[in-house]
Amino acid sequence: MQIVTDDYHVYYFPEQSRVILGGIMRLDGLNSYQPILQLLLRAIESVPQEFTLDVQNLQFLNSSGLSMLLMFVVRLREQGRTHLTILGSQSVSWQVKSLKNVRRLMPDMKLLLLPVS
């Protein structure tokens, strides 16, 4: 499964239980993020224990996109069987600020903010 536009991309790698988001997401409202949320939810349906969300190359995510991400984390927490790891980048300011708040919704998730390489 994948979603590719001129501005952003979402790739799902089932063999790695990993979704990669990259680019700039400035979609108009929460409804515009529904295809991405649905991809994420379908991806975790078959994930037994570990799931990784890699946003290292997601340069921008607006407030509607952040709401979508929070909805995904809440659904994953409610599912109660899959451990989440989020990979982010220390060089992307929205990630440093916002991803720590995501952890409040799912305290046992692993957040890795990786240094610039």
C-alpha atoms as a PDB file:
ATOM      1  CA  MET A   1       0.000   0.000   0.000  1.00  0.00           C
ATOM      2  CA  GLN A   2       1.197   3.475  -0.778  1.00  0.00           C
ATOM      3  CA  ILE A   3       0.039   7.019  -1.318  1.00  0.00           C
ATOM      4  CA  VAL A   4       2.251   9.250  -3.444  1.00  0.00           C
ATOM      5  CA  THR A   5       1.634  12.887  -4.388  1.00  0.00           C
ATOM      6  CA  ASP A   6       3.851  15.738  -5.525  1.00  0.00           C
ATOM      7  CA  ASP A   7       4.102  16.949  -1.917  1.00  0.00           C
ATOM      8  CA  TYR A   8       4.250  13.821   0.247  1.00  0.00           C
ATOM      9  CA  HIS A   9       4.394  10.045   0.270  1.00  0.00           C
ATOM     10  CA  VAL A  10       3.220   7.224   2.526  1.00  0.00           C
ATOM     11  CA  TYR A  11       4.711   3.766   2.057  1.00  0.00           C
ATOM     12  CA  TYR A  12       3.761   0.598   3.903  1.00  0.00           C
ATOM     13  CA  PHE A  13       6.299  -2.218   4.149  1.00  0.00           C
ATOM     14  CA  PRO A  14       4.394  -5.206   5.602  1.00  0.00           C
ATOM     15  CA  GLU A  15       7.479  -7.411   5.857  1.00  0.00           C
ATOM     16  CA  GLN A  16       9.020  -4.826   8.216  1.00  0.00           C
ATOM     17  CA  SER A  17       5.754  -3.780   9.926  1.00  0.00           C
ATOM     18  CA  ARG A  18       6.709  -0.227   9.013  1.00  0.00           C
ATOM     19  CA  VAL A  19       5.017   2.815   7.500  1.00  0.00           C
ATOM     20  CA  ILE A  20       7.169   5.673   6.218  1.00  0.00           C
ATOM     21  CA  LEU A  21       5.774   9.189   5.848  1.00  0.00           C
ATOM     22  CA  GLY A  22       7.783  11.832   4.042  1.00  0.00           C
ATOM     23  CA  GLY A  23       7.505  15.234   2.422  1.00  0.00           C
ATOM     24  CA  ILE A  24       5.201  18.086   3.344  1.00  0.00           C
ATOM     25  CA  MET A  25       1.638  17.361   4.504  1.00  0.00           C
ATOM     26  CA  ARG A  26      -0.568  20.440   4.351  1.00  0.00           C
ATOM     27  CA  LEU A  27      -3.876  18.773   3.601  1.00  0.00           C
ATOM     28  CA  ASP A  28      -7.073  20.730   4.109  1.00  0.00           C
ATOM     29  CA  GLY A  29      -8.819  19.446   7.216  1.00  0.00           C
ATOM     30  CA  LEU A  30      -9.087  16.099   8.951  1.00  0.00           C
ATOM     31  CA  ASN A  31     -11.255  14.580   6.216  1.00  0.00           C
ATOM     32  CA  SER A  32      -8.410  15.012   3.735  1.00  0.00           C
ATOM     33  CA  TYR A  33      -6.214  12.838   5.970  1.00  0.00           C
ATOM     34  CA  GLN A  34      -8.688   9.915   5.985  1.00  0.00           C
ATOM     35  CA  PRO A  35      -6.867   7.918   3.242  1.00  0.00           C
ATOM     36  CA  ILE A  36      -3.647   8.125   5.252  1.00  0.00           C
ATOM     37  CA  LEU A  37      -5.390   7.165   8.490  1.00  0.00           C
ATOM     38  CA  GLN A  38      -7.077   4.235   6.739  1.00  0.00           C
ATOM     39  CA  LEU A  39      -3.718   3.050   5.374  1.00  0.00           C
ATOM     40  CA  LEU A  40      -2.242   3.187   8.881  1.00  0.00           C
ATOM     41  CA  LEU A  41      -5.188   1.321  10.380  1.00  0.00           C
ATOM     42  CA  ARG A  42      -5.046  -1.372   7.683  1.00  0.00           C
ATOM     43  CA  ALA A  43      -1.331  -1.719   8.286  1.00  0.00           C
ATOM     44  CA  ILE A  44      -1.795  -2.544  11.977  1.00  0.00           C
ATOM     45  CA  GLU A  45      -4.582  -5.065  11.384  1.00  0.00           C
ATOM     46  CA  SER A  46      -2.073  -7.789  10.639  1.00  0.00           C
ATOM     47  CA  VAL A  47       0.780  -6.624  12.859  1.00  0.00           C
ATOM     48  CA  PRO A  48       1.226  -9.021  15.757  1.00  0.00           C
ATOM     49  CA  GLN A  49       3.472  -7.176  18.202  1.00  0.00           C
ATOM     50  CA  GLU A  50       5.756  -4.468  16.805  1.00  0.00           C
ATOM     51  CA  PHE A  51       4.951  -1.582  14.471  1.00  0.00           C
ATOM     52  CA  THR A  52       7.217   1.269  13.373  1.00  0.00           C
ATOM     53  CA  LEU A  53       6.072   4.639  12.109  1.00  0.00           C
ATOM     54  CA  ASP A  54       8.992   6.423  10.443  1.00  0.00           C
ATOM     55  CA  VAL A  55       8.485  10.172  10.052  1.00  0.00           C
ATOM     56  CA  GLN A  56      12.145  11.187   9.839  1.00  0.00           C
ATOM     57  CA  ASN A  57      11.634  12.688   6.369  1.00  0.00           C
ATOM     58  CA  LEU A  58       8.273  14.311   7.083  1.00  0.00           C
ATOM     59  CA  GLN A  59       9.334  17.939   7.010  1.00  0.00           C
ATOM     60  CA  PHE A  60       5.951  19.450   7.832  1.00  0.00           C
ATOM     61  CA  LEU A  61       2.677  18.211   9.313  1.00  0.00           C
ATOM     62  CA  ASN A  62      -0.162  20.670   9.923  1.00  0.00           C
ATOM     63  CA  SER A  63      -2.547  20.540  12.882  1.00  0.00           C
ATOM     64  CA  SER A  64      -5.076  18.382  10.998  1.00  0.00           C
ATOM     65  CA  GLY A  65      -2.313  15.907  10.218  1.00  0.00           C
ATOM     66  CA  LEU A  66      -1.210  15.871  13.829  1.00  0.00           C
ATOM     67  CA  SER A  67      -4.816  15.186  14.860  1.00  0.00           C
ATOM     68  CA  MET A  68      -4.873  12.254  12.427  1.00  0.00           C
ATOM     69  CA  LEU A  69      -1.643  10.925  13.942  1.00  0.00           C
ATOM     70  CA  LEU A  70      -3.098  11.221  17.438  1.00  0.00           C
ATOM     71  CA  MET A  71      -6.240   9.371  16.344  1.00  0.00           C
ATOM     72  CA  PHE A  72      -4.053   6.564  15.003  1.00  0.00           C
ATOM     73  CA  VAL A  73      -2.110   6.305  18.262  1.00  0.00           C
ATOM     74  CA  VAL A  74      -5.332   6.204  20.289  1.00  0.00           C
ATOM     75  CA  ARG A  75      -6.697   3.396  18.087  1.00  0.00           C
ATOM     76  CA  LEU A  76      -3.441   1.472  18.438  1.00  0.00           C
ATOM     77  CA  ARG A  77      -3.509   1.931  22.220  1.00  0.00           C
ATOM     78  CA  GLU A  78      -7.116   0.725  22.370  1.00  0.00           C
ATOM     79  CA  GLN A  79      -6.161  -2.343  20.326  1.00  0.00           C
ATOM     80  CA  GLY A  80      -3.728  -3.177  23.122  1.00  0.00           C
ATOM     81  CA  ARG A  81      -1.621  -5.775  21.345  1.00  0.00           C
ATOM     82  CA  THR A  82       0.908  -3.849  19.259  1.00  0.00           C
ATOM     83  CA  HIS A  83       3.921  -1.933  20.540  1.00  0.00           C
ATOM     84  CA  LEU A  84       4.612   1.290  18.635  1.00  0.00           C
ATOM     85  CA  THR A  85       7.969   2.800  17.766  1.00  0.00           C
ATOM     86  CA  ILE A  86       8.088   6.236  16.177  1.00  0.00           C
ATOM     87  CA  LEU A  87      11.282   7.231  14.398  1.00  0.00           C
ATOM     88  CA  GLY A  88      11.748  10.977  14.061  1.00  0.00           C
ATOM     89  CA  SER A  89      14.487  13.466  13.390  1.00  0.00           C
ATOM     90  CA  GLN A  90      16.111  15.906  15.784  1.00  0.00           C
ATOM     91  CA  SER A  91      16.497  18.349  12.896  1.00  0.00           C
ATOM     92  CA  VAL A  92      12.754  18.721  12.208  1.00  0.00           C
ATOM     93  CA  SER A  93      11.304  21.160  14.729  1.00  0.00           C
ATOM     94  CA  TRP A  94       7.666  19.976  14.621  1.00  0.00           C
ATOM     95  CA  GLN A  95       8.825  16.446  15.431  1.00  0.00           C
ATOM     96  CA  VAL A  96      10.912  17.500  18.429  1.00  0.00           C
ATOM     97  CA  LYS A  97       7.989  19.502  19.841  1.00  0.00           C
ATOM     98  CA  SER A  98       4.980  17.377  18.914  1.00  0.00           C
ATOM     99  CA  LEU A  99       6.115  13.760  19.047  1.00  0.00           C
ATOM    100  CA  LYS A 100       6.886  14.015  22.752  1.00  0.00           C
ATOM    101  CA  ASN A 101       3.224  14.954  23.266  1.00  0.00           C
ATOM    102  CA  VAL A 102       2.150  11.880  21.298  1.00  0.00           C
ATOM    103  CA  ARG A 103       3.872   9.768  23.933  1.00  0.00           C
ATOM    104  CA  ARG A 104       1.436  11.115  26.526  1.00  0.00           C
ATOM    105  CA  LEU A 105      -1.317   9.171  24.751  1.00  0.00           C
ATOM    106  CA  MET A 106       0.713   5.987  24.677  1.00  0.00           C
ATOM    107  CA  PRO A 107       3.363   6.109  27.427  1.00  0.00           C
ATOM    108  CA  ASP A 108       4.869   2.725  26.545  1.00  0.00           C
ATOM    109  CA  MET A 109       5.611   3.657  22.929  1.00  0.00           C
ATOM    110  CA  LYS A 110       9.226   4.057  21.935  1.00  0.00           C
ATOM    111  CA  LEU A 111      10.182   7.456  20.516  1.00  0.00           C
ATOM    112  CA  LEU A 112      13.536   7.735  18.788  1.00  0.00           C
ATOM    113  CA  LEU A 113      14.535  11.205  17.628  1.00  0.00           C
ATOM    114  CA  LEU A 114      17.609  10.464  15.594  1.00  0.00           C
ATOM    115  CA  PRO A 115      20.441  12.944  15.058  1.00  0.00           C
ATOM    116  CA  VAL A 116      21.117  14.505  11.684  1.00  0.00           C
ATOM    117  CA  SER A 117      23.300  12.227   9.621  1.00  0.00           C
END
